[in-house]
């Protein structure tokens, strides 16, 4: 992977709403690290470091390195709670990753080729039916994103899950469920309205009765 992300963490024994408020006032974020064959760990993360990482889309689907005084742990971001009106992260859930065991997580889709798509050039509208997909793979095979090239789509055409270029070792779990699960990912629709020009009414005196003699 070209990008790597690290989180500096400290163990915390003081839990509860009051303890969480004190952490946030100190510029830290309460977090939980769970999974694998170990008990869940309560941690605190550096808020500013976390915010900088969250600016990168790749952070949400990468294997992260959580560094504590006792060593390093590989993990993925499972949940994130933000303040409803302020740029603050309130809580983070991290799941441990075993590098020899497959994991399931969501990977974002990146759409390309819209500027040259014949359907778009003809006035069609792009409809993104999915923005991410659930995959299963070994941690080292986890892609940052999956590209969806729509440069060849005409109006009325779609790309389905089966048409995605998925890296080796990565399984699309929805598609693996079998027949009926090959979902549409993106479609180009014709614009609605103004497609048909109403027939103009006849000019006065041209039709609708005999002329007066």
N, C-alpha and C. Protein backbone atom coordinates (compact mmCIF):
# COMPACT_ATOMS: atom_id res chain seq x y z
N UNK A 1 0.84 -1.18 0.00
CA UNK A 1 0.00 0.00 0.00
C UNK A 1 0.88 1.25 0.00
N UNK A 2 0.54 2.23 -0.80
CA UNK A 2 1.36 3.42 -0.93
C UNK A 2 1.24 4.32 0.29
N UNK A 3 0.09 4.31 0.94
CA UNK A 3 -0.15 5.19 2.08
C UNK A 3 -0.23 4.35 3.34
N UNK A 4 0.33 4.88 4.43
CA UNK A 4 0.20 4.21 5.72
C UNK A 4 -0.31 5.21 6.74
N UNK A 5 -1.03 4.71 7.71
CA UNK A 5 -1.62 5.57 8.74
C UNK A 5 -1.28 5.02 10.11
N UNK A 6 -0.85 5.93 10.99
CA UNK A 6 -0.53 5.54 12.36
C UNK A 6 -1.36 6.37 13.34
N UNK A 7 -1.76 5.73 14.42
CA UNK A 7 -2.49 6.40 15.50
C UNK A 7 -1.74 6.18 16.80
N UNK A 8 -1.39 7.27 17.47
CA UNK A 8 -0.77 7.17 18.78
C UNK A 8 -1.86 7.00 19.83
N UNK A 9 -1.76 5.97 20.66
CA UNK A 9 -2.81 5.66 21.62
C UNK A 9 -2.22 5.43 23.00
N UNK A 10 -3.05 5.71 24.01
CA UNK A 10 -2.69 5.44 25.40
C UNK A 10 -3.81 4.63 26.03
N UNK A 11 -3.49 3.67 26.89
CA UNK A 11 -4.54 2.92 27.59
C UNK A 11 -5.27 3.83 28.57
N UNK A 12 -6.54 3.58 28.77
CA UNK A 12 -7.31 4.35 29.76
C UNK A 12 -8.11 3.39 30.63
N UNK A 13 -8.11 3.67 31.91
CA UNK A 13 -8.85 2.85 32.87
C UNK A 13 -10.07 3.56 33.40
N UNK A 14 -10.07 4.89 33.25
CA UNK A 14 -11.19 5.69 33.73
C UNK A 14 -12.22 5.81 32.60
N UNK A 15 -13.39 5.19 32.78
CA UNK A 15 -14.41 5.21 31.74
C UNK A 15 -15.65 5.94 32.23
N UNK A 16 -16.64 6.08 31.35
CA UNK A 16 -17.86 6.79 31.70
C UNK A 16 -17.91 8.16 31.04
N UNK A 17 -19.08 8.81 31.11
CA UNK A 17 -19.27 10.09 30.43
C UNK A 17 -18.35 11.18 30.99
N UNK A 18 -18.19 11.21 32.30
CA UNK A 18 -17.33 12.22 32.89
C UNK A 18 -15.89 12.08 32.45
N UNK A 19 -15.40 10.85 32.43
CA UNK A 19 -14.02 10.60 32.00
C UNK A 19 -13.84 10.96 30.53
N UNK A 20 -14.85 10.67 29.71
CA UNK A 20 -14.77 11.00 28.29
C UNK A 20 -14.73 12.51 28.08
N UNK A 21 -15.51 13.24 28.86
CA UNK A 21 -15.49 14.70 28.74
C UNK A 21 -14.12 15.26 29.12
N UNK A 22 -13.52 14.70 30.15
CA UNK A 22 -12.19 15.17 30.56
C UNK A 22 -11.15 14.89 29.47
N UNK A 23 -11.27 13.74 28.84
CA UNK A 23 -10.35 13.41 27.75
C UNK A 23 -10.48 14.42 26.61
N UNK A 24 -11.71 14.73 26.24
CA UNK A 24 -11.92 15.64 25.11
C UNK A 24 -11.40 17.03 25.43
N UNK A 25 -11.55 17.47 26.69
CA UNK A 25 -11.02 18.78 27.07
C UNK A 25 -9.50 18.79 26.98
N UNK A 26 -8.88 17.62 27.13
CA UNK A 26 -7.42 17.51 27.05
C UNK A 26 -6.94 17.26 25.62
N UNK A 27 -7.85 17.36 24.64
CA UNK A 27 -7.47 17.16 23.24
C UNK A 27 -7.32 15.72 22.83
N UNK A 28 -8.05 14.84 23.52
CA UNK A 28 -7.97 13.41 23.21
C UNK A 28 -9.36 12.85 22.91
N UNK A 29 -9.39 11.67 22.31
CA UNK A 29 -10.64 11.03 21.91
C UNK A 29 -10.72 9.65 22.54
N UNK A 30 -11.80 9.32 23.24
CA UNK A 30 -11.95 7.95 23.76
C UNK A 30 -12.16 6.97 22.61
N UNK A 31 -11.56 5.79 22.74
CA UNK A 31 -11.66 4.78 21.68
C UNK A 31 -11.70 3.40 22.31
N UNK A 32 -12.18 2.45 21.53
CA UNK A 32 -12.20 1.04 21.94
C UNK A 32 -11.53 0.23 20.84
N UNK A 33 -10.67 -0.68 21.23
CA UNK A 33 -9.99 -1.59 20.30
C UNK A 33 -10.40 -3.01 20.67
N UNK A 34 -11.02 -3.72 19.72
CA UNK A 34 -11.57 -5.04 20.03
C UNK A 34 -11.29 -6.02 18.90
N UNK A 35 -11.66 -7.27 19.12
CA UNK A 35 -11.52 -8.29 18.09
C UNK A 35 -10.33 -9.19 18.32
N UNK A 36 -10.24 -10.23 17.49
CA UNK A 36 -9.16 -11.20 17.63
C UNK A 36 -9.38 -12.07 18.86
N UNK A 37 -8.30 -12.56 19.41
CA UNK A 37 -8.40 -13.45 20.57
C UNK A 37 -8.04 -12.73 21.87
N UNK A 38 -8.18 -11.41 21.87
CA UNK A 38 -7.85 -10.61 23.05
C UNK A 38 -9.07 -9.83 23.51
N UNK A 39 -9.04 -9.43 24.77
CA UNK A 39 -10.13 -8.66 25.34
C UNK A 39 -10.14 -7.24 24.75
N UNK A 40 -11.29 -6.59 24.74
CA UNK A 40 -11.34 -5.19 24.28
C UNK A 40 -10.46 -4.29 25.15
N UNK A 41 -9.86 -3.30 24.51
CA UNK A 41 -9.01 -2.34 25.22
C UNK A 41 -9.61 -0.94 25.09
N UNK A 42 -9.68 -0.23 26.21
CA UNK A 42 -10.10 1.17 26.19
C UNK A 42 -8.86 2.03 25.99
N UNK A 43 -8.91 2.90 24.97
CA UNK A 43 -7.76 3.73 24.61
C UNK A 43 -8.17 5.19 24.50
N UNK A 44 -7.17 6.05 24.46
CA UNK A 44 -7.39 7.45 24.09
C UNK A 44 -6.47 7.77 22.92
N UNK A 45 -6.99 8.51 21.96
CA UNK A 45 -6.24 8.91 20.77
C UNK A 45 -6.04 10.42 20.77
N UNK A 46 -5.03 10.89 20.06
CA UNK A 46 -4.79 12.32 19.92
C UNK A 46 -5.78 12.89 18.90
N UNK A 47 -6.59 13.85 19.33
CA UNK A 47 -7.66 14.36 18.48
C UNK A 47 -7.13 14.98 17.19
N UNK A 48 -6.12 15.83 17.28
CA UNK A 48 -5.62 16.51 16.08
C UNK A 48 -5.00 15.53 15.09
N UNK A 49 -4.30 14.53 15.61
CA UNK A 49 -3.73 13.51 14.74
C UNK A 49 -4.83 12.75 14.01
N UNK A 50 -5.87 12.42 14.74
CA UNK A 50 -7.00 11.71 14.15
C UNK A 50 -7.67 12.55 13.06
N UNK A 51 -7.89 13.83 13.33
CA UNK A 51 -8.53 14.70 12.34
C UNK A 51 -7.71 14.79 11.06
N UNK A 52 -6.39 14.88 11.19
CA UNK A 52 -5.54 14.95 9.99
C UNK A 52 -5.68 13.68 9.17
N UNK A 53 -5.73 12.54 9.85
CA UNK A 53 -5.89 11.28 9.12
C UNK A 53 -7.25 11.18 8.45
N UNK A 54 -8.27 11.70 9.10
CA UNK A 54 -9.63 11.60 8.55
C UNK A 54 -9.82 12.45 7.30
N UNK A 55 -8.88 13.34 7.02
CA UNK A 55 -8.96 14.12 5.79
C UNK A 55 -8.69 13.26 4.55
N UNK A 56 -8.12 12.09 4.76
CA UNK A 56 -7.79 11.19 3.65
C UNK A 56 -8.88 10.12 3.52
N UNK A 57 -9.47 10.02 2.36
CA UNK A 57 -10.50 8.99 2.15
C UNK A 57 -9.95 7.60 2.42
N UNK A 58 -8.67 7.39 2.10
CA UNK A 58 -8.07 6.07 2.25
C UNK A 58 -8.04 5.60 3.71
N UNK A 59 -8.09 6.53 4.64
CA UNK A 59 -8.04 6.17 6.06
C UNK A 59 -9.18 5.24 6.44
N UNK A 60 -10.33 5.40 5.78
CA UNK A 60 -11.52 4.64 6.14
C UNK A 60 -11.46 3.19 5.69
N UNK A 61 -10.56 2.86 4.76
CA UNK A 61 -10.52 1.49 4.25
C UNK A 61 -9.11 0.89 4.30
N UNK A 62 -8.18 1.55 4.99
CA UNK A 62 -6.82 1.05 5.11
C UNK A 62 -6.61 0.27 6.41
N UNK A 63 -5.57 -0.54 6.40
CA UNK A 63 -5.10 -1.15 7.64
C UNK A 63 -4.32 -0.09 8.40
N UNK A 64 -4.72 0.19 9.63
CA UNK A 64 -4.10 1.23 10.45
C UNK A 64 -3.12 0.59 11.44
N UNK A 65 -2.13 1.36 11.82
CA UNK A 65 -1.20 0.93 12.86
C UNK A 65 -1.48 1.72 14.13
N UNK A 66 -1.94 1.03 15.16
CA UNK A 66 -2.24 1.67 16.44
C UNK A 66 -1.04 1.44 17.35
N UNK A 67 -0.38 2.53 17.73
CA UNK A 67 0.87 2.44 18.50
C UNK A 67 0.60 2.80 19.97
N UNK A 68 0.93 1.89 20.85
CA UNK A 68 0.83 2.13 22.28
C UNK A 68 2.20 1.85 22.90
N UNK A 69 2.30 2.10 24.19
CA UNK A 69 3.57 1.87 24.87
C UNK A 69 3.99 0.42 24.85
N UNK A 70 3.03 -0.50 24.69
CA UNK A 70 3.34 -1.93 24.71
C UNK A 70 3.60 -2.50 23.33
N UNK A 71 3.48 -1.69 22.28
CA UNK A 71 3.74 -2.20 20.94
C UNK A 71 2.80 -1.63 19.90
N UNK A 72 2.66 -2.35 18.79
CA UNK A 72 1.82 -1.92 17.68
C UNK A 72 0.77 -2.96 17.38
N UNK A 73 -0.41 -2.49 16.99
CA UNK A 73 -1.51 -3.37 16.63
C UNK A 73 -2.08 -2.93 15.29
N UNK A 74 -2.33 -3.86 14.40
CA UNK A 74 -2.99 -3.56 13.12
C UNK A 74 -4.50 -3.59 13.34
N UNK A 75 -5.18 -2.60 12.77
CA UNK A 75 -6.63 -2.49 12.99
C UNK A 75 -7.27 -1.77 11.81
N UNK A 76 -8.59 -1.86 11.74
CA UNK A 76 -9.36 -1.08 10.78
C UNK A 76 -10.40 -0.25 11.54
N UNK A 77 -10.78 0.87 10.96
CA UNK A 77 -11.79 1.73 11.55
C UNK A 77 -13.16 1.10 11.34
N UNK A 78 -13.88 0.88 12.43
CA UNK A 78 -15.20 0.28 12.33
C UNK A 78 -16.33 1.28 12.55
N UNK A 79 -16.11 2.27 13.39
CA UNK A 79 -17.18 3.24 13.66
C UNK A 79 -16.56 4.53 14.14
N UNK A 80 -17.28 5.62 13.86
CA UNK A 80 -16.78 6.95 14.20
C UNK A 80 -17.97 7.80 14.60
N UNK A 81 -17.91 8.40 15.77
CA UNK A 81 -18.98 9.29 16.23
C UNK A 81 -18.47 10.72 16.23
N UNK A 82 -19.18 11.59 15.52
CA UNK A 82 -18.81 13.00 15.44
C UNK A 82 -19.82 13.86 16.19
N UNK A 83 -19.36 15.03 16.60
CA UNK A 83 -20.25 16.01 17.21
C UNK A 83 -21.19 16.52 16.13
N UNK A 84 -22.49 16.70 16.43
CA UNK A 84 -23.45 17.09 15.38
C UNK A 84 -23.21 18.47 14.78
N UNK A 85 -22.54 19.37 15.48
CA UNK A 85 -22.40 20.73 14.95
C UNK A 85 -20.98 21.29 15.04
N UNK A 86 -20.08 20.59 15.71
CA UNK A 86 -18.71 21.09 15.86
C UNK A 86 -17.73 20.10 15.23
N UNK A 87 -16.56 20.56 14.80
CA UNK A 87 -15.59 19.66 14.17
C UNK A 87 -14.85 18.83 15.21
N UNK A 88 -15.60 17.99 15.92
CA UNK A 88 -15.03 17.17 16.97
C UNK A 88 -15.40 15.71 16.76
N UNK A 89 -14.45 14.83 17.01
CA UNK A 89 -14.72 13.39 17.02
C UNK A 89 -14.97 12.99 18.47
N UNK A 90 -16.09 12.30 18.71
CA UNK A 90 -16.47 11.97 20.08
C UNK A 90 -16.02 10.58 20.51
N UNK A 91 -15.97 9.64 19.57
CA UNK A 91 -15.59 8.27 19.95
C UNK A 91 -15.18 7.51 18.70
N UNK A 92 -14.28 6.55 18.86
CA UNK A 92 -13.79 5.75 17.74
C UNK A 92 -13.82 4.27 18.12
N UNK A 93 -14.29 3.44 17.19
CA UNK A 93 -14.25 1.98 17.35
C UNK A 93 -13.23 1.43 16.36
N UNK A 94 -12.28 0.65 16.87
CA UNK A 94 -11.26 0.02 16.03
C UNK A 94 -11.32 -1.49 16.21
N UNK A 95 -11.15 -2.23 15.11
CA UNK A 95 -11.16 -3.68 15.19
C UNK A 95 -9.78 -4.22 14.82
N UNK A 96 -9.26 -5.10 15.68
CA UNK A 96 -7.96 -5.71 15.41
C UNK A 96 -8.01 -6.55 14.13
N UNK A 97 -6.88 -6.61 13.47
CA UNK A 97 -6.77 -7.35 12.21
C UNK A 97 -5.66 -8.38 12.35
N UNK A 98 -5.98 -9.61 11.97
CA UNK A 98 -4.97 -10.67 11.86
C UNK A 98 -4.54 -10.72 10.40
N UNK A 99 -3.27 -10.48 10.13
CA UNK A 99 -2.81 -10.35 8.75
C UNK A 99 -2.90 -11.66 7.98
N UNK A 100 -3.17 -12.78 8.66
CA UNK A 100 -3.28 -14.07 7.97
C UNK A 100 -4.74 -14.53 7.86
N UNK A 101 -5.67 -13.72 8.31
CA UNK A 101 -7.09 -14.07 8.24
C UNK A 101 -7.84 -13.05 7.40
N UNK A 102 -8.81 -13.52 6.62
CA UNK A 102 -9.60 -12.63 5.79
C UNK A 102 -10.48 -11.73 6.65
N UNK A 103 -10.70 -10.51 6.16
CA UNK A 103 -11.58 -9.57 6.85
C UNK A 103 -12.67 -9.12 5.90
N UNK A 104 -13.72 -8.58 6.48
CA UNK A 104 -14.84 -8.03 5.70
C UNK A 104 -14.95 -6.55 6.01
N UNK A 105 -14.95 -5.74 4.98
CA UNK A 105 -15.07 -4.30 5.19
C UNK A 105 -15.57 -3.63 3.91
N UNK A 106 -15.99 -2.38 4.04
CA UNK A 106 -16.48 -1.62 2.89
C UNK A 106 -15.34 -0.88 2.21
N UNK A 107 -15.36 -0.87 0.89
CA UNK A 107 -14.35 -0.17 0.08
C UNK A 107 -15.08 0.82 -0.81
N UNK A 108 -14.61 2.08 -0.87
CA UNK A 108 -15.29 3.08 -1.71
C UNK A 108 -15.10 2.81 -3.20
N UNK A 109 -16.05 3.33 -3.99
CA UNK A 109 -15.97 3.25 -5.45
C UNK A 109 -15.55 4.61 -5.99
N UNK A 110 -14.64 4.62 -6.96
CA UNK A 110 -14.23 5.84 -7.64
C UNK A 110 -14.71 5.77 -9.08
N UNK A 111 -15.50 6.76 -9.50
CA UNK A 111 -16.07 6.77 -10.84
C UNK A 111 -15.23 7.66 -11.76
N UNK A 112 -14.84 7.10 -12.91
CA UNK A 112 -14.03 7.84 -13.87
C UNK A 112 -14.67 7.77 -15.25
N UNK A 113 -14.23 8.68 -16.13
CA UNK A 113 -14.66 8.64 -17.53
C UNK A 113 -15.95 9.38 -17.82
N UNK A 114 -16.50 10.09 -16.83
CA UNK A 114 -17.77 10.77 -17.05
C UNK A 114 -17.65 11.84 -18.14
N UNK A 115 -16.49 12.50 -18.22
CA UNK A 115 -16.34 13.60 -19.18
C UNK A 115 -16.32 13.13 -20.63
N UNK A 116 -16.04 11.84 -20.85
CA UNK A 116 -16.00 11.34 -22.23
C UNK A 116 -17.10 10.32 -22.52
N UNK A 117 -17.94 10.04 -21.55
CA UNK A 117 -19.01 9.07 -21.76
C UNK A 117 -19.97 9.55 -22.84
N UNK A 118 -20.25 8.72 -23.86
CA UNK A 118 -21.18 9.15 -24.91
C UNK A 118 -22.58 9.42 -24.38
N UNK A 119 -22.98 8.68 -23.35
CA UNK A 119 -24.29 8.92 -22.77
C UNK A 119 -24.39 10.28 -22.10
N UNK A 120 -23.33 10.68 -21.40
CA UNK A 120 -23.31 12.00 -20.76
C UNK A 120 -23.25 13.09 -21.82
N UNK A 121 -22.44 12.88 -22.87
CA UNK A 121 -22.34 13.88 -23.93
C UNK A 121 -23.67 14.08 -24.65
N UNK A 122 -24.49 13.02 -24.65
CA UNK A 122 -25.81 13.12 -25.30
C UNK A 122 -26.86 13.71 -24.37
N UNK A 123 -26.44 14.12 -23.19
CA UNK A 123 -27.39 14.76 -22.26
C UNK A 123 -27.90 13.86 -21.17
N UNK A 124 -27.36 12.64 -21.06
CA UNK A 124 -27.82 11.73 -20.02
C UNK A 124 -27.32 12.13 -18.64
N UNK A 125 -28.01 11.63 -17.62
CA UNK A 125 -27.66 11.90 -16.23
C UNK A 125 -27.09 10.65 -15.58
N UNK A 126 -25.97 10.80 -14.87
CA UNK A 126 -25.32 9.68 -14.20
C UNK A 126 -25.98 9.45 -12.84
N UNK A 127 -26.38 8.21 -12.59
CA UNK A 127 -26.98 7.83 -11.31
C UNK A 127 -26.07 6.81 -10.63
N UNK A 128 -25.48 7.20 -9.50
CA UNK A 128 -24.62 6.29 -8.74
C UNK A 128 -25.50 5.46 -7.81
N UNK A 129 -25.72 4.22 -8.18
CA UNK A 129 -26.58 3.34 -7.40
C UNK A 129 -25.87 2.88 -6.12
N UNK A 130 -24.54 2.73 -6.18
CA UNK A 130 -23.73 2.34 -5.03
C UNK A 130 -22.55 3.29 -4.93
N UNK A 131 -22.10 3.57 -3.71
CA UNK A 131 -20.91 4.41 -3.51
C UNK A 131 -19.78 3.61 -2.87
N UNK A 132 -20.09 2.42 -2.35
CA UNK A 132 -19.06 1.52 -1.83
C UNK A 132 -19.57 0.10 -1.93
N UNK A 133 -18.66 -0.86 -1.72
CA UNK A 133 -19.02 -2.27 -1.79
C UNK A 133 -18.39 -3.00 -0.61
N UNK A 134 -19.08 -4.06 -0.15
CA UNK A 134 -18.57 -4.89 0.93
C UNK A 134 -17.69 -5.98 0.33
N UNK A 135 -16.46 -6.05 0.79
CA UNK A 135 -15.51 -7.03 0.24
C UNK A 135 -14.99 -7.94 1.34
N UNK A 136 -14.43 -9.06 0.91
CA UNK A 136 -13.72 -9.96 1.81
C UNK A 136 -12.36 -10.26 1.19
N UNK A 137 -11.30 -10.13 1.99
CA UNK A 137 -9.96 -10.39 1.48
C UNK A 137 -8.98 -10.43 2.64
N UNK A 138 -7.77 -10.88 2.36
CA UNK A 138 -6.69 -10.77 3.33
C UNK A 138 -6.30 -9.31 3.47
N UNK A 139 -5.87 -8.90 4.65
CA UNK A 139 -5.53 -7.48 4.86
C UNK A 139 -4.56 -6.91 3.84
N UNK A 140 -3.57 -7.69 3.42
CA UNK A 140 -2.60 -7.17 2.45
C UNK A 140 -3.20 -6.96 1.07
N UNK A 141 -4.36 -7.55 0.80
CA UNK A 141 -5.02 -7.39 -0.50
C UNK A 141 -6.09 -6.32 -0.49
N UNK A 142 -6.30 -5.67 0.65
CA UNK A 142 -7.38 -4.70 0.77
C UNK A 142 -7.10 -3.49 -0.12
N UNK A 143 -7.97 -3.21 -1.11
CA UNK A 143 -7.73 -2.05 -1.99
C UNK A 143 -8.17 -0.75 -1.33
N UNK A 144 -7.50 0.32 -1.71
CA UNK A 144 -7.89 1.65 -1.22
C UNK A 144 -9.26 2.04 -1.77
N UNK A 145 -9.50 1.68 -3.02
CA UNK A 145 -10.79 1.92 -3.67
C UNK A 145 -10.88 1.00 -4.88
N UNK A 146 -12.08 0.92 -5.46
CA UNK A 146 -12.29 0.16 -6.70
C UNK A 146 -12.77 1.15 -7.76
N UNK A 147 -12.09 1.17 -8.88
CA UNK A 147 -12.41 2.13 -9.94
C UNK A 147 -13.55 1.61 -10.81
N UNK A 148 -14.45 2.53 -11.17
CA UNK A 148 -15.57 2.22 -12.06
C UNK A 148 -15.47 3.15 -13.26
N UNK A 149 -15.12 2.60 -14.43
CA UNK A 149 -14.91 3.39 -15.64
C UNK A 149 -16.21 3.44 -16.44
N UNK A 150 -16.79 4.63 -16.55
CA UNK A 150 -18.06 4.76 -17.29
C UNK A 150 -17.85 5.43 -18.65
N UNK A 151 -16.61 5.46 -19.12
CA UNK A 151 -16.31 6.18 -20.36
C UNK A 151 -17.01 5.60 -21.58
N UNK A 152 -17.46 4.34 -21.51
CA UNK A 152 -18.11 3.73 -22.67
C UNK A 152 -19.62 3.64 -22.57
N UNK A 153 -20.22 4.17 -21.51
CA UNK A 153 -21.66 4.00 -21.30
C UNK A 153 -22.50 4.94 -22.16
N UNK A 154 -23.55 4.36 -22.77
CA UNK A 154 -24.56 5.12 -23.50
C UNK A 154 -25.76 5.34 -22.59
N UNK A 155 -26.67 6.19 -23.01
CA UNK A 155 -27.91 6.40 -22.27
C UNK A 155 -28.67 5.08 -22.16
N UNK A 156 -29.12 4.76 -20.95
CA UNK A 156 -29.86 3.53 -20.71
C UNK A 156 -28.98 2.36 -20.32
N UNK A 157 -27.67 2.52 -20.34
CA UNK A 157 -26.77 1.44 -20.00
C UNK A 157 -26.29 1.54 -18.55
N UNK A 158 -25.89 0.40 -18.00
CA UNK A 158 -25.45 0.33 -16.61
C UNK A 158 -24.18 -0.51 -16.50
N UNK A 159 -23.49 -0.35 -15.39
CA UNK A 159 -22.42 -1.25 -14.98
C UNK A 159 -22.88 -1.93 -13.70
N UNK A 160 -22.79 -3.26 -13.68
CA UNK A 160 -23.19 -4.03 -12.51
C UNK A 160 -21.95 -4.52 -11.74
N UNK A 161 -22.19 -5.11 -10.59
CA UNK A 161 -21.09 -5.62 -9.77
C UNK A 161 -20.19 -6.56 -10.56
N UNK A 162 -20.79 -7.38 -11.41
CA UNK A 162 -20.01 -8.35 -12.19
C UNK A 162 -19.10 -7.67 -13.20
N UNK A 163 -19.33 -6.38 -13.48
CA UNK A 163 -18.52 -5.66 -14.45
C UNK A 163 -17.38 -4.87 -13.82
N UNK A 164 -17.23 -4.95 -12.50
CA UNK A 164 -16.15 -4.22 -11.83
C UNK A 164 -14.82 -4.95 -11.97
N UNK A 165 -13.76 -4.18 -12.11
CA UNK A 165 -12.41 -4.74 -12.15
C UNK A 165 -11.90 -4.84 -10.71
N UNK A 166 -12.11 -6.02 -10.13
CA UNK A 166 -11.76 -6.24 -8.72
C UNK A 166 -10.35 -6.84 -8.63
N UNK A 167 -9.49 -6.33 -7.75
CA UNK A 167 -8.13 -6.87 -7.64
C UNK A 167 -8.14 -8.35 -7.26
N UNK A 168 -7.07 -9.03 -7.61
CA UNK A 168 -6.92 -10.45 -7.27
C UNK A 168 -6.98 -10.64 -5.76
N UNK A 169 -7.68 -11.68 -5.34
CA UNK A 169 -7.78 -11.98 -3.92
C UNK A 169 -8.89 -11.27 -3.20
N UNK A 170 -9.68 -10.46 -3.93
CA UNK A 170 -10.77 -9.70 -3.32
C UNK A 170 -12.11 -10.24 -3.82
N UNK A 171 -13.03 -10.51 -2.90
CA UNK A 171 -14.35 -11.04 -3.25
C UNK A 171 -15.41 -10.00 -2.92
N UNK A 172 -16.31 -9.76 -3.88
CA UNK A 172 -17.48 -8.91 -3.63
C UNK A 172 -18.55 -9.78 -2.97
N UNK A 173 -18.84 -9.51 -1.70
CA UNK A 173 -19.70 -10.42 -0.96
C UNK A 173 -21.14 -10.43 -1.46
N UNK A 174 -21.63 -9.30 -1.94
CA UNK A 174 -22.99 -9.28 -2.46
C UNK A 174 -23.09 -10.15 -3.70
N UNK A 175 -22.12 -10.05 -4.58
CA UNK A 175 -22.12 -10.86 -5.81
C UNK A 175 -21.96 -12.33 -5.49
N UNK A 176 -21.21 -12.64 -4.42
CA UNK A 176 -20.98 -14.03 -4.04
C UNK A 176 -22.24 -14.71 -3.52
N UNK A 177 -23.28 -13.93 -3.23
CA UNK A 177 -24.52 -14.51 -2.73
C UNK A 177 -25.30 -15.24 -3.82
N UNK A 178 -24.90 -15.03 -5.08
CA UNK A 178 -25.52 -15.81 -6.15
C UNK A 178 -26.46 -15.02 -7.03
N UNK A 179 -27.28 -15.77 -7.77
CA UNK A 179 -28.19 -15.18 -8.75
C UNK A 179 -29.11 -14.17 -8.09
N UNK A 180 -29.31 -13.06 -8.78
CA UNK A 180 -30.19 -12.02 -8.27
C UNK A 180 -29.48 -10.96 -7.44
N UNK A 181 -28.16 -11.11 -7.27
CA UNK A 181 -27.42 -10.15 -6.45
C UNK A 181 -26.37 -9.38 -7.25
N UNK A 182 -26.49 -9.44 -8.57
CA UNK A 182 -25.59 -8.66 -9.42
C UNK A 182 -26.16 -7.25 -9.55
N UNK A 183 -25.98 -6.46 -8.50
CA UNK A 183 -26.61 -5.15 -8.40
C UNK A 183 -26.01 -4.15 -9.38
N UNK A 184 -26.85 -3.20 -9.81
CA UNK A 184 -26.36 -2.10 -10.64
C UNK A 184 -25.51 -1.18 -9.78
N UNK A 185 -24.39 -0.75 -10.33
CA UNK A 185 -23.49 0.16 -9.63
C UNK A 185 -23.70 1.59 -10.10
N UNK A 186 -23.82 1.77 -11.42
CA UNK A 186 -24.02 3.09 -12.00
C UNK A 186 -24.83 2.96 -13.28
N UNK A 187 -25.69 3.94 -13.54
CA UNK A 187 -26.55 3.93 -14.72
C UNK A 187 -26.59 5.33 -15.31
N UNK A 188 -26.72 5.42 -16.63
CA UNK A 188 -26.93 6.71 -17.28
C UNK A 188 -28.37 6.75 -17.76
N UNK A 189 -29.11 7.70 -17.21
CA UNK A 189 -30.53 7.86 -17.54
C UNK A 189 -30.73 9.04 -18.49
N UNK A 190 -31.78 8.96 -19.30
CA UNK A 190 -32.18 10.10 -20.11
C UNK A 190 -32.83 11.14 -19.22
N UNK A 191 -32.65 12.39 -19.58
CA UNK A 191 -33.30 13.46 -18.82
C UNK A 191 -34.81 13.37 -18.99
N UNK A 192 -35.50 13.64 -17.91
CA UNK A 192 -36.96 13.62 -17.97
C UNK A 192 -37.50 15.00 -18.35
N UNK A 193 -38.66 15.00 -19.04
CA UNK A 193 -39.30 16.26 -19.40
C UNK A 193 -38.63 16.89 -20.60
N UNK A 194 -39.33 17.64 -21.32
CA UNK A 194 -38.84 18.38 -22.49
C UNK A 194 -38.29 17.44 -23.57
N UNK A 195 -38.59 16.12 -23.44
CA UNK A 195 -38.14 15.19 -24.48
C UNK A 195 -39.07 15.19 -25.68
N UNK A 196 -40.31 15.49 -25.39
CA UNK A 196 -41.30 15.51 -26.47
C UNK A 196 -41.82 16.93 -26.63
N UNK A 197 -41.84 17.41 -27.82
CA UNK A 197 -42.35 18.75 -28.10
C UNK A 197 -43.83 18.65 -28.39
N UNK A 198 -44.63 19.38 -27.62
CA UNK A 198 -46.07 19.32 -27.84
C UNK A 198 -46.41 19.90 -29.21
N UNK A 199 -47.42 19.28 -29.82
CA UNK A 199 -47.84 19.76 -31.14
C UNK A 199 -48.45 21.14 -31.00
N UNK A 200 -47.98 22.06 -31.79
CA UNK A 200 -48.47 23.44 -31.69
C UNK A 200 -49.90 23.51 -32.15
N UNK A 201 -50.74 24.32 -31.50
CA UNK A 201 -52.14 24.45 -31.92
C UNK A 201 -52.21 25.14 -33.28
N UNK A 202 -53.23 24.84 -34.10
CA UNK A 202 -53.34 25.46 -35.43
C UNK A 202 -53.54 26.96 -35.33
N UNK A 203 -52.99 27.67 -36.28
CA UNK A 203 -53.16 29.12 -36.30
C UNK A 203 -54.61 29.46 -36.60
N UNK A 204 -55.02 30.61 -36.10
CA UNK A 204 -56.43 31.04 -36.26
C UNK A 204 -56.78 31.12 -37.74
N UNK A 205 -57.88 30.48 -38.10
CA UNK A 205 -58.36 30.54 -39.47
C UNK A 205 -57.83 29.44 -40.37
N UNK A 206 -56.86 28.62 -39.85
CA UNK A 206 -56.30 27.58 -40.70
C UNK A 206 -57.11 26.32 -40.67
N UNK A 207 -57.79 26.03 -39.54
CA UNK A 207 -58.57 24.82 -39.44
C UNK A 207 -59.67 25.04 -38.44
N UNK A 208 -60.55 24.01 -38.35
CA UNK A 208 -61.58 24.08 -37.32
C UNK A 208 -62.90 24.61 -37.83
N UNK A 209 -63.12 24.68 -39.11
CA UNK A 209 -64.43 25.12 -39.60
C UNK A 209 -64.31 25.69 -40.99
N UNK A 210 -65.44 25.89 -41.65
CA UNK A 210 -65.43 26.44 -43.01
C UNK A 210 -65.26 27.94 -42.96
N UNK A 211 -64.57 28.49 -43.92
CA UNK A 211 -64.39 29.93 -43.99
C UNK A 211 -65.69 30.57 -44.36
N UNK A 212 -65.96 31.76 -43.83
CA UNK A 212 -67.20 32.49 -44.12
C UNK A 212 -67.16 32.99 -45.55
N UNK A 213 -68.29 32.90 -46.28
CA UNK A 213 -68.31 33.33 -47.65
C UNK A 213 -68.97 34.66 -47.78
